[in-house]
Amino acid sequence: RIAAAFRARTREEWARVFEPSDGCVAAVRSLAEAPCHPHLAARG
């Protein structure tokens, strides 16, 4: 059921849902994407 729910939306759509929340879910970023993640960028 969890897998079916996640397949209904894109990674970025789910990231916008979960990453500001207490749901403890995060998008898996690639090596190229990681430095641009807003939190990592803010912390340097």
ModelCIF file with pLDDT and N, C-alpha, C, O atoms, coordinates in Angstrom:
data_MODEL
#
_entry.id   MODEL 
#
_entity.id                         1 
_entity.type                       polymer 
_entity.pdbx_number_of_molecules   1 
#
_entity_poly.entity_id                      1 
_entity_poly.type                           'polypeptide(L)' 
_entity_poly.nstd_linkage                   no 
_entity_poly.nstd_monomer                   no 
_entity_poly.pdbx_seq_one_letter_code       RIAAAFRARTREEWARVFEPSDGCVAAVRSLAEAPCHPHLAARG 
_entity_poly.pdbx_seq_one_letter_code_can   RIAAAFRARTREEWARVFEPSDGCVAAVRSLAEAPCHPHLAARG 
_entity_poly.pdbx_strand_id                 A 
#
loop_
_entity_poly_seq.entity_id 
_entity_poly_seq.num 
_entity_poly_seq.mon_id 
_entity_poly_seq.hetero 
1 1  ARG n 
1 2  ILE n 
1 3  ALA n 
1 4  ALA n 
1 5  ALA n 
1 6  PHE n 
1 7  ARG n 
1 8  ALA n 
1 9  ARG n 
1 10 THR n 
1 11 ARG n 
1 12 GLU n 
1 13 GLU n 
1 14 TRP n 
1 15 ALA n 
1 16 ARG n 
1 17 VAL n 
1 18 PHE n 
1 19 GLU n 
1 20 PRO n 
1 21 SER n 
1 22 ASP n 
1 23 GLY n 
1 24 CYS n 
1 25 VAL n 
1 26 ALA n 
1 27 ALA n 
1 28 VAL n 
1 29 ARG n 
1 30 SER n 
1 31 LEU n 
1 32 ALA n 
1 33 GLU n 
1 34 ALA n 
1 35 PRO n 
1 36 CYS n 
1 37 HIS n 
1 38 PRO n 
1 39 HIS n 
1 40 LEU n 
1 41 ALA n 
1 42 ALA n 
1 43 ARG n 
1 44 GLY n 
#
_struct_asym.id          A 
_struct_asym.entity_id   1 
#
loop_
_ma_qa_metric.id 
_ma_qa_metric.mode 
_ma_qa_metric.name 
_ma_qa_metric.software_group_id 
_ma_qa_metric.type 
1 global pLDDT . pLDDT 
2 local  pLDDT . pLDDT 
#
_ma_qa_metric_global.metric_id      1 
_ma_qa_metric_global.metric_value   97.20 
_ma_qa_metric_global.model_id       1 
_ma_qa_metric_global.ordinal_id     1 
#
loop_
_ma_qa_metric_local.label_asym_id 
_ma_qa_metric_local.label_comp_id 
_ma_qa_metric_local.label_seq_id 
_ma_qa_metric_local.metric_id 
_ma_qa_metric_local.metric_value 
_ma_qa_metric_local.model_id 
_ma_qa_metric_local.ordinal_id 
A ARG 1  2 95.00 1 1  
A ILE 2  2 97.00 1 2  
A ALA 3  2 98.00 1 3  
A ALA 4  2 97.00 1 4  
A ALA 5  2 97.00 1 5  
A PHE 6  2 98.00 1 6  
A ARG 7  2 98.00 1 7  
A ALA 8  2 98.00 1 8  
A ARG 9  2 98.00 1 9  
A THR 10 2 98.00 1 10 
A ARG 11 2 98.00 1 11 
A GLU 12 2 98.00 1 12 
A GLU 13 2 98.00 1 13 
A TRP 14 2 98.00 1 14 
A ALA 15 2 98.00 1 15 
A ARG 16 2 97.00 1 16 
A VAL 17 2 97.00 1 17 
A PHE 18 2 97.00 1 18 
A GLU 19 2 92.00 1 19 
A PRO 20 2 89.00 1 20 
A SER 21 2 96.00 1 21 
A ASP 22 2 97.00 1 22 
A GLY 23 2 97.00 1 23 
A CYS 24 2 98.00 1 24 
A VAL 25 2 98.00 1 25 
A ALA 26 2 98.00 1 26 
A ALA 27 2 98.00 1 27 
A VAL 28 2 98.00 1 28 
A ARG 29 2 98.00 1 29 
A SER 30 2 98.00 1 30 
A LEU 31 2 98.00 1 31 
A ALA 32 2 98.00 1 32 
A GLU 33 2 98.00 1 33 
A ALA 34 2 98.00 1 34 
A PRO 35 2 98.00 1 35 
A CYS 36 2 97.00 1 36 
A HIS 37 2 97.00 1 37 
A PRO 38 2 96.00 1 38 
A HIS 39 2 97.00 1 39 
A LEU 40 2 98.00 1 40 
A ALA 41 2 98.00 1 41 
A ALA 42 2 98.00 1 42 
A ARG 43 2 97.00 1 43 
A GLY 44 2 97.00 1 44 
#
loop_
_atom_site.group_PDB 
_atom_site.id 
_atom_site.type_symbol 
_atom_site.label_atom_id 
_atom_site.label_alt_id 
_atom_site.label_comp_id 
_atom_site.label_asym_id 
_atom_site.label_entity_id 
_atom_site.label_seq_id 
_atom_site.pdbx_PDB_ins_code 
_atom_site.Cartn_x 
_atom_site.Cartn_y 
_atom_site.Cartn_z 
_atom_site.occupancy 
_atom_site.B_iso_or_equiv 
_atom_site.pdbx_formal_charge 
_atom_site.auth_seq_id 
_atom_site.auth_comp_id 
_atom_site.auth_asym_id 
_atom_site.auth_atom_id 
_atom_site.pdbx_PDB_model_num 
ATOM 1   N N  . ARG A 1 1  ? 0.830  -1.205 0.000  1.00 95.00 ? 1  ARG A N  1 
ATOM 2   C CA . ARG A 1 1  ? 0.000  0.000  0.000  1.00 95.00 ? 1  ARG A CA 1 
ATOM 3   C C  . ARG A 1 1  ? 0.869  1.261  0.000  1.00 95.00 ? 1  ARG A C  1 
ATOM 4   O O  . ARG A 1 1  ? 0.567  2.230  -0.697 1.00 95.00 ? 1  ARG A O  1 
ATOM 5   N N  . ILE A 1 2  ? 1.935  1.240  0.778  1.00 97.00 ? 2  ILE A N  1 
ATOM 6   C CA . ILE A 1 2  ? 2.842  2.392  0.791  1.00 97.00 ? 2  ILE A CA 1 
ATOM 7   C C  . ILE A 1 2  ? 3.475  2.571  -0.583 1.00 97.00 ? 2  ILE A C  1 
ATOM 8   O O  . ILE A 1 2  ? 3.561  3.689  -1.092 1.00 97.00 ? 2  ILE A O  1 
ATOM 9   N N  . ALA A 1 3  ? 3.917  1.468  -1.181 1.00 98.00 ? 3  ALA A N  1 
ATOM 10  C CA . ALA A 1 3  ? 4.556  1.547  -2.500 1.00 98.00 ? 3  ALA A CA 1 
ATOM 11  C C  . ALA A 1 3  ? 3.584  2.096  -3.539 1.00 98.00 ? 3  ALA A C  1 
ATOM 12  O O  . ALA A 1 3  ? 3.964  2.926  -4.364 1.00 98.00 ? 3  ALA A O  1 
ATOM 13  N N  . ALA A 1 4  ? 2.340  1.641  -3.504 1.00 97.00 ? 4  ALA A N  1 
ATOM 14  C CA . ALA A 1 4  ? 1.344  2.115  -4.467 1.00 97.00 ? 4  ALA A CA 1 
ATOM 15  C C  . ALA A 1 4  ? 1.081  3.611  -4.292 1.00 97.00 ? 4  ALA A C  1 
ATOM 16  O O  . ALA A 1 4  ? 0.910  4.334  -5.273 1.00 97.00 ? 4  ALA A O  1 
ATOM 17  N N  . ALA A 1 5  ? 1.051  4.073  -3.038 1.00 97.00 ? 5  ALA A N  1 
ATOM 18  C CA . ALA A 1 5  ? 0.819  5.489  -2.790 1.00 97.00 ? 5  ALA A CA 1 
ATOM 19  C C  . ALA A 1 5  ? 1.963  6.337  -3.348 1.00 97.00 ? 5  ALA A C  1 
ATOM 20  O O  . ALA A 1 5  ? 1.718  7.366  -3.978 1.00 97.00 ? 5  ALA A O  1 
ATOM 21  N N  . PHE A 1 6  ? 3.191  5.921  -3.128 1.00 98.00 ? 6  PHE A N  1 
ATOM 22  C CA . PHE A 1 6  ? 4.325  6.699  -3.621 1.00 98.00 ? 6  PHE A CA 1 
ATOM 23  C C  . PHE A 1 6  ? 4.381  6.726  -5.146 1.00 98.00 ? 6  PHE A C  1 
ATOM 24  O O  . PHE A 1 6  ? 4.835  7.710  -5.730 1.00 98.00 ? 6  PHE A O  1 
ATOM 25  N N  . ARG A 1 7  ? 3.934  5.676  -5.784 1.00 98.00 ? 7  ARG A N  1 
ATOM 26  C CA . ARG A 1 7  ? 3.968  5.628  -7.248 1.00 98.00 ? 7  ARG A CA 1 
ATOM 27  C C  . ARG A 1 7  ? 2.961  6.574  -7.895 1.00 98.00 ? 7  ARG A C  1 
ATOM 28  O O  . ARG A 1 7  ? 2.971  6.756  -9.112 1.00 98.00 ? 7  ARG A O  1 
ATOM 29  N N  . ALA A 1 8  ? 2.098  7.173  -7.089 1.00 98.00 ? 8  ALA A N  1 
ATOM 30  C CA . ALA A 1 8  ? 1.064  8.058  -7.634 1.00 98.00 ? 8  ALA A CA 1 
ATOM 31  C C  . ALA A 1 8  ? 1.578  9.465  -7.920 1.00 98.00 ? 8  ALA A C  1 
ATOM 32  O O  . ALA A 1 8  ? 0.918  10.217 -8.637 1.00 98.00 ? 8  ALA A O  1 
ATOM 33  N N  . ARG A 1 9  ? 2.746  9.845  -7.376 1.00 98.00 ? 9  ARG A N  1 
ATOM 34  C CA . ARG A 1 9  ? 3.267  11.190 -7.582 1.00 98.00 ? 9  ARG A CA 1 
ATOM 35  C C  . ARG A 1 9  ? 4.763  11.126 -7.887 1.00 98.00 ? 9  ARG A C  1 
ATOM 36  O O  . ARG A 1 9  ? 5.414  10.101 -7.684 1.00 98.00 ? 9  ARG A O  1 
ATOM 37  N N  . THR A 1 10 ? 5.285  12.239 -8.375 1.00 98.00 ? 10 THR A N  1 
ATOM 38  C CA . THR A 1 10 ? 6.711  12.310 -8.680 1.00 98.00 ? 10 THR A CA 1 
ATOM 39  C C  . THR A 1 10 ? 7.522  12.554 -7.409 1.00 98.00 ? 10 THR A C  1 
ATOM 40  O O  . THR A 1 10 ? 6.979  12.896 -6.359 1.00 98.00 ? 10 THR A O  1 
ATOM 41  N N  . ARG A 1 11 ? 8.823  12.371 -7.531 1.00 98.00 ? 11 ARG A N  1 
ATOM 42  C CA . ARG A 1 11 ? 9.709  12.609 -6.390 1.00 98.00 ? 11 ARG A CA 1 
ATOM 43  C C  . ARG A 1 11 ? 9.588  14.032 -5.874 1.00 98.00 ? 11 ARG A C  1 
ATOM 44  O O  . ARG A 1 11 ? 9.490  14.228 -4.662 1.00 98.00 ? 11 ARG A O  1 
ATOM 45  N N  . GLU A 1 12 ? 9.590  15.026 -6.738 1.00 98.00 ? 12 GLU A N  1 
ATOM 46  C CA . GLU A 1 12 ? 9.532  16.407 -6.290 1.00 98.00 ? 12 GLU A CA 1 
ATOM 47  C C  . GLU A 1 12 ? 8.190  16.750 -5.668 1.00 98.00 ? 12 GLU A C  1 
ATOM 48  O O  . GLU A 1 12 ? 8.118  17.554 -4.739 1.00 98.00 ? 12 GLU A O  1 
ATOM 49  N N  . GLU A 1 13 ? 7.132  16.145 -6.179 1.00 98.00 ? 13 GLU A N  1 
ATOM 50  C CA . GLU A 1 13 ? 5.822  16.370 -5.561 1.00 98.00 ? 13 GLU A CA 1 
ATOM 51  C C  . GLU A 1 13 ? 5.819  15.841 -4.134 1.00 98.00 ? 13 GLU A C  1 
ATOM 52  O O  . GLU A 1 13 ? 5.327  16.507 -3.223 1.00 98.00 ? 13 GLU A O  1 
ATOM 53  N N  . TRP A 1 14 ? 6.367  14.646 -3.937 1.00 98.00 ? 14 TRP A N  1 
ATOM 54  C CA . TRP A 1 14 ? 6.416  14.089 -2.580 1.00 98.00 ? 14 TRP A CA 1 
ATOM 55  C C  . TRP A 1 14 ? 7.379  14.890 -1.701 1.00 98.00 ? 14 TRP A C  1 
ATOM 56  O O  . TRP A 1 14 ? 7.123  15.063 -0.510 1.00 98.00 ? 14 TRP A O  1 
ATOM 57  N N  . ALA A 1 15 ? 8.475  15.377 -2.269 1.00 98.00 ? 15 ALA A N  1 
ATOM 58  C CA . ALA A 1 15 ? 9.405  16.180 -1.475 1.00 98.00 ? 15 ALA A CA 1 
ATOM 59  C C  . ALA A 1 15 ? 8.716  17.423 -0.930 1.00 98.00 ? 15 ALA A C  1 
ATOM 60  O O  . ALA A 1 15 ? 8.946  17.810 0.215  1.00 98.00 ? 15 ALA A O  1 
ATOM 61  N N  . ARG A 1 16 ? 7.881  18.045 -1.737 1.00 97.00 ? 16 ARG A N  1 
ATOM 62  C CA . ARG A 1 16 ? 7.172  19.237 -1.271 1.00 97.00 ? 16 ARG A CA 1 
ATOM 63  C C  . ARG A 1 16 ? 6.173  18.893 -0.171 1.00 97.00 ? 16 ARG A C  1 
ATOM 64  O O  . ARG A 1 16 ? 5.887  19.719 0.695  1.00 97.00 ? 16 ARG A O  1 
ATOM 65  N N  . VAL A 1 17 ? 5.647  17.683 -0.208 1.00 97.00 ? 17 VAL A N  1 
ATOM 66  C CA . VAL A 1 17 ? 4.704  17.251 0.821  1.00 97.00 ? 17 VAL A CA 1 
ATOM 67  C C  . VAL A 1 17 ? 5.422  16.963 2.131  1.00 97.00 ? 17 VAL A C  1 
ATOM 68  O O  . VAL A 1 17 ? 4.975  17.390 3.195  1.00 97.00 ? 17 VAL A O  1 
ATOM 69  N N  . PHE A 1 18 ? 6.537  16.239 2.056  1.00 97.00 ? 18 PHE A N  1 
ATOM 70  C CA . PHE A 1 18 ? 7.137  15.670 3.262  1.00 97.00 ? 18 PHE A CA 1 
ATOM 71  C C  . PHE A 1 18 ? 8.285  16.475 3.864  1.00 97.00 ? 18 PHE A C  1 
ATOM 72  O O  . PHE A 1 18 ? 8.427  16.498 5.087  1.00 97.00 ? 18 PHE A O  1 
ATOM 73  N N  . GLU A 1 19 ? 9.093  17.122 3.066  1.00 92.00 ? 19 GLU A N  1 
ATOM 74  C CA . GLU A 1 19 ? 10.347 17.620 3.627  1.00 92.00 ? 19 GLU A CA 1 
ATOM 75  C C  . GLU A 1 19 ? 10.178 18.745 4.638  1.00 92.00 ? 19 GLU A C  1 
ATOM 76  O O  . GLU A 1 19 ? 11.078 18.940 5.454  1.00 92.00 ? 19 GLU A O  1 
ATOM 77  N N  . PRO A 1 20 ? 9.070  19.505 4.636  1.00 89.00 ? 20 PRO A N  1 
ATOM 78  C CA . PRO A 1 20 ? 8.895  20.460 5.746  1.00 89.00 ? 20 PRO A CA 1 
ATOM 79  C C  . PRO A 1 20 ? 8.161  19.856 6.949  1.00 89.00 ? 20 PRO A C  1 
ATOM 80  O O  . PRO A 1 20 ? 7.798  20.599 7.861  1.00 89.00 ? 20 PRO A O  1 
ATOM 81  N N  . SER A 1 21 ? 7.929  18.540 6.987  1.00 96.00 ? 21 SER A N  1 
ATOM 82  C CA . SER A 1 21 ? 7.029  17.941 7.970  1.00 96.00 ? 21 SER A CA 1 
ATOM 83  C C  . SER A 1 21 ? 7.774  17.083 8.987  1.00 96.00 ? 21 SER A C  1 
ATOM 84  O O  . SER A 1 21 ? 8.997  16.949 8.932  1.00 96.00 ? 21 SER A O  1 
ATOM 85  N N  . ASP A 1 22 ? 7.010  16.502 9.921  1.00 97.00 ? 22 ASP A N  1 
ATOM 86  C CA . ASP A 1 22 ? 7.535  15.536 10.889 1.00 97.00 ? 22 ASP A CA 1 
ATOM 87  C C  . ASP A 1 22 ? 7.324  14.094 10.421 1.00 97.00 ? 22 ASP A C  1 
ATOM 88  O O  . ASP A 1 22 ? 7.389  13.166 11.227 1.00 97.00 ? 22 ASP A O  1 
ATOM 89  N N  . GLY A 1 23 ? 7.075  13.905 9.137  1.00 97.00 ? 23 GLY A N  1 
ATOM 90  C CA . GLY A 1 23 ? 6.819  12.563 8.636  1.00 97.00 ? 23 GLY A CA 1 
ATOM 91  C C  . GLY A 1 23 ? 8.062  11.725 8.436  1.00 97.00 ? 23 GLY A C  1 
ATOM 92  O O  . GLY A 1 23 ? 7.959  10.535 8.141  1.00 97.00 ? 23 GLY A O  1 
ATOM 93  N N  . CYS A 1 24 ? 9.250  12.322 8.592  1.00 98.00 ? 24 CYS A N  1 
ATOM 94  C CA . CYS A 1 24 ? 10.531 11.609 8.470  1.00 98.00 ? 24 CYS A CA 1 
ATOM 95  C C  . CYS A 1 24 ? 10.658 10.930 7.112  1.00 98.00 ? 24 CYS A C  1 
ATOM 96  O O  . CYS A 1 24 ? 10.940 9.734  7.029  1.00 98.00 ? 24 CYS A O  1 
ATOM 97  N N  . VAL A 1 25 ? 10.452 11.689 6.067  1.00 98.00 ? 25 VAL A N  1 
ATOM 98  C CA . VAL A 1 25 ? 10.593 11.211 4.692  1.00 98.00 ? 25 VAL A CA 1 
ATOM 99  C C  . VAL A 1 25 ? 11.416 12.247 3.930  1.00 98.00 ? 25 VAL A C  1 
ATOM 100 O O  . VAL A 1 25 ? 11.215 13.451 4.093  1.00 98.00 ? 25 VAL A O  1 
ATOM 101 N N  . ALA A 1 26 ? 12.334 11.778 3.108  1.00 98.00 ? 26 ALA A N  1 
ATOM 102 C CA . ALA A 1 26 ? 13.168 12.687 2.319  1.00 98.00 ? 26 ALA A CA 1 
ATOM 103 C C  . ALA A 1 26 ? 13.407 12.106 0.943  1.00 98.00 ? 26 ALA A C  1 
ATOM 104 O O  . ALA A 1 26 ? 13.487 10.889 0.776  1.00 98.00 ? 26 ALA A O  1 
ATOM 105 N N  . ALA A 1 27 ? 13.520 12.980 -0.041 1.00 98.00 ? 27 ALA A N  1 
ATOM 106 C CA . ALA A 1 27 ? 13.846 12.551 -1.398 1.00 98.00 ? 27 ALA A CA 1 
ATOM 107 C C  . ALA A 1 27 ? 15.298 12.104 -1.461 1.00 98.00 ? 27 ALA A C  1 
ATOM 108 O O  . ALA A 1 27 ? 16.176 12.722 -0.858 1.00 98.00 ? 27 ALA A O  1 
ATOM 109 N N  . VAL A 1 28 ? 15.545 11.023 -2.198 1.00 98.00 ? 28 VAL A N  1 
ATOM 110 C CA . VAL A 1 28 ? 16.904 10.536 -2.401 1.00 98.00 ? 28 VAL A CA 1 
ATOM 111 C C  . VAL A 1 28 ? 17.545 11.360 -3.512 1.00 98.00 ? 28 VAL A C  1 
ATOM 112 O O  . VAL A 1 28 ? 17.088 11.338 -4.655 1.00 98.00 ? 28 VAL A O  1 
ATOM 113 N N  . ARG A 1 29 ? 18.600 12.080 -3.172 1.00 98.00 ? 29 ARG A N  1 
ATOM 114 C CA . ARG A 1 29 ? 19.272 12.954 -4.122 1.00 98.00 ? 29 ARG A CA 1 
ATOM 115 C C  . ARG A 1 29 ? 20.535 12.295 -4.662 1.00 98.00 ? 29 ARG A C  1 
ATOM 116 O O  . ARG A 1 29 ? 21.187 11.518 -3.965 1.00 98.00 ? 29 ARG A O  1 
ATOM 117 N N  . SER A 1 30 ? 20.866 12.606 -5.889 1.00 98.00 ? 30 SER A N  1 
ATOM 118 C CA . SER A 1 30 ? 22.080 12.082 -6.497 1.00 98.00 ? 30 SER A CA 1 
ATOM 119 C C  . SER A 1 30 ? 23.295 12.868 -6.021 1.00 98.00 ? 30 SER A C  1 
ATOM 120 O O  . SER A 1 30 ? 23.154 13.895 -5.357 1.00 98.00 ? 30 SER A O  1 
ATOM 121 N N  . LEU A 1 31 ? 24.482 12.389 -6.358 1.00 98.00 ? 31 LEU A N  1 
ATOM 122 C CA . LEU A 1 31 ? 25.703 13.111 -6.011 1.00 98.00 ? 31 LEU A CA 1 
ATOM 123 C C  . LEU A 1 31 ? 25.706 14.507 -6.620 1.00 98.00 ? 31 LEU A C  1 
ATOM 124 O O  . LEU A 1 31 ? 26.153 15.464 -5.987 1.00 98.00 ? 31 LEU A O  1 
ATOM 125 N N  . ALA A 1 32 ? 25.211 14.621 -7.842 1.00 98.00 ? 32 ALA A N  1 
ATOM 126 C CA . ALA A 1 32 ? 25.181 15.929 -8.498 1.00 98.00 ? 32 ALA A CA 1 
ATOM 127 C C  . ALA A 1 32 ? 24.142 16.849 -7.865 1.00 98.00 ? 32 ALA A C  1 
ATOM 128 O O  . ALA A 1 32 ? 24.332 18.064 -7.826 1.00 98.00 ? 32 ALA A O  1 
ATOM 129 N N  . GLU A 1 33 ? 23.050 16.279 -7.371 1.00 98.00 ? 33 GLU A N  1 
ATOM 130 C CA . GLU A 1 33 ? 21.976 17.089 -6.797 1.00 98.00 ? 33 GLU A CA 1 
ATOM 131 C C  . GLU A 1 33 ? 22.257 17.522 -5.364 1.00 98.00 ? 33 GLU A C  1 
ATOM 132 O O  . GLU A 1 33 ? 21.816 18.593 -4.949 1.00 98.00 ? 33 GLU A O  1 
ATOM 133 N N  . ALA A 1 34 ? 22.982 16.710 -4.602 1.00 98.00 ? 34 ALA A N  1 
ATOM 134 C CA . ALA A 1 34 ? 23.120 16.930 -3.166 1.00 98.00 ? 34 ALA A CA 1 
ATOM 135 C C  . ALA A 1 34 ? 23.611 18.329 -2.798 1.00 98.00 ? 34 ALA A C  1 
ATOM 136 O O  . ALA A 1 34 ? 23.035 18.935 -1.895 1.00 98.00 ? 34 ALA A O  1 
ATOM 137 N N  . PRO A 1 35 ? 24.648 18.878 -3.448 1.00 98.00 ? 35 PRO A N  1 
ATOM 138 C CA . PRO A 1 35 ? 25.112 20.202 -3.034 1.00 98.00 ? 35 PRO A CA 1 
ATOM 139 C C  . PRO A 1 35 ? 24.081 21.308 -3.212 1.00 98.00 ? 35 PRO A C  1 
ATOM 140 O O  . PRO A 1 35 ? 24.201 22.369 -2.601 1.00 98.00 ? 35 PRO A O  1 
ATOM 141 N N  . CYS A 1 36 ? 23.060 21.069 -4.049 1.00 97.00 ? 36 CYS A N  1 
ATOM 142 C CA . CYS A 1 36 ? 22.038 22.083 -4.309 1.00 97.00 ? 36 CYS A CA 1 
ATOM 143 C C  . CYS A 1 36 ? 20.839 21.955 -3.382 1.00 97.00 ? 36 CYS A C  1 
ATOM 144 O O  . CYS A 1 36 ? 19.934 22.788 -3.435 1.00 97.00 ? 36 CYS A O  1 
ATOM 145 N N  . HIS A 1 37 ? 20.812 20.936 -2.538 1.00 97.00 ? 37 HIS A N  1 
ATOM 146 C CA . HIS A 1 37 ? 19.680 20.797 -1.625 1.00 97.00 ? 37 HIS A CA 1 
ATOM 147 C C  . HIS A 1 37 ? 19.610 22.035 -0.724 1.00 97.00 ? 37 HIS A C  1 
ATOM 148 O O  . HIS A 1 37 ? 20.633 22.451 -0.181 1.00 97.00 ? 37 HIS A O  1 
ATOM 149 N N  . PRO A 1 38 ? 18.437 22.624 -0.557 1.00 96.00 ? 38 PRO A N  1 
ATOM 150 C CA . PRO A 1 38 ? 18.338 23.893 0.167  1.00 96.00 ? 38 PRO A CA 1 
ATOM 151 C C  . PRO A 1 38 ? 18.947 23.860 1.565  1.00 96.00 ? 38 PRO A C  1 
ATOM 152 O O  . PRO A 1 38 ? 19.605 24.816 1.978  1.00 96.00 ? 38 PRO A O  1 
ATOM 153 N N  . HIS A 1 39 ? 18.734 22.777 2.288  1.00 97.00 ? 39 HIS A N  1 
ATOM 154 C CA . HIS A 1 39 ? 19.281 22.721 3.649  1.00 97.00 ? 39 HIS A CA 1 
ATOM 155 C C  . HIS A 1 39 ? 20.800 22.632 3.625  1.00 97.00 ? 39 HIS A C  1 
ATOM 156 O O  . HIS A 1 39 ? 21.479 23.339 4.369  1.00 97.00 ? 39 HIS A O  1 
ATOM 157 N N  . LEU A 1 40 ? 21.333 21.761 2.769  1.00 98.00 ? 40 LEU A N  1 
ATOM 158 C CA . LEU A 1 40 ? 22.784 21.612 2.699  1.00 98.00 ? 40 LEU A CA 1 
ATOM 159 C C  . LEU A 1 40 ? 23.437 22.885 2.180  1.00 98.00 ? 40 LEU A C  1 
ATOM 160 O O  . LEU A 1 40 ? 24.517 23.268 2.630  1.00 98.00 ? 40 LEU A O  1 
ATOM 161 N N  . ALA A 1 41 ? 22.772 23.536 1.229  1.00 98.00 ? 41 ALA A N  1 
ATOM 162 C CA . ALA A 1 41 ? 23.309 24.793 0.707  1.00 98.00 ? 41 ALA A CA 1 
ATOM 163 C C  . ALA A 1 41 ? 23.317 25.869 1.790  1.00 98.00 ? 41 ALA A C  1 
ATOM 164 O O  . ALA A 1 41 ? 24.271 26.642 1.891  1.00 98.00 ? 41 ALA A O  1 
ATOM 165 N N  . ALA A 1 42 ? 22.267 25.923 2.592  1.00 98.00 ? 42 ALA A N  1 
ATOM 166 C CA . ALA A 1 42 ? 22.183 26.934 3.647  1.00 98.00 ? 42 ALA A CA 1 
ATOM 167 C C  . ALA A 1 42 ? 23.267 26.730 4.703  1.00 98.00 ? 42 ALA A C  1 
ATOM 168 O O  . ALA A 1 42 ? 23.791 27.699 5.253  1.00 98.00 ? 42 ALA A O  1 
ATOM 169 N N  . ARG A 1 43 ? 23.601 25.482 4.986  1.00 97.00 ? 43 ARG A N  1 
ATOM 170 C CA . ARG A 1 43 ? 24.618 25.175 5.987  1.00 97.00 ? 43 ARG A CA 1 
ATOM 171 C C  . ARG A 1 43 ? 26.035 25.206 5.424  1.00 97.00 ? 43 ARG A C  1 
ATOM 172 O O  . ARG A 1 43 ? 27.004 25.195 6.183  1.00 97.00 ? 43 ARG A O  1 
ATOM 173 N N  . GLY A 1 44 ? 26.161 25.244 4.107  1.00 97.00 ? 44 GLY A N  1 
ATOM 174 C CA . GLY A 1 44 ? 27.497 25.166 3.529  1.00 97.00 ? 44 GLY A CA 1 
ATOM 175 C C  . GLY A 1 44 ? 28.113 23.799 3.692  1.00 97.00 ? 44 GLY A C  1 
ATOM 176 O O  . GLY A 1 44 ? 29.241 23.574 3.255  1.00 97.00 ? 44 GLY A O  1 
#
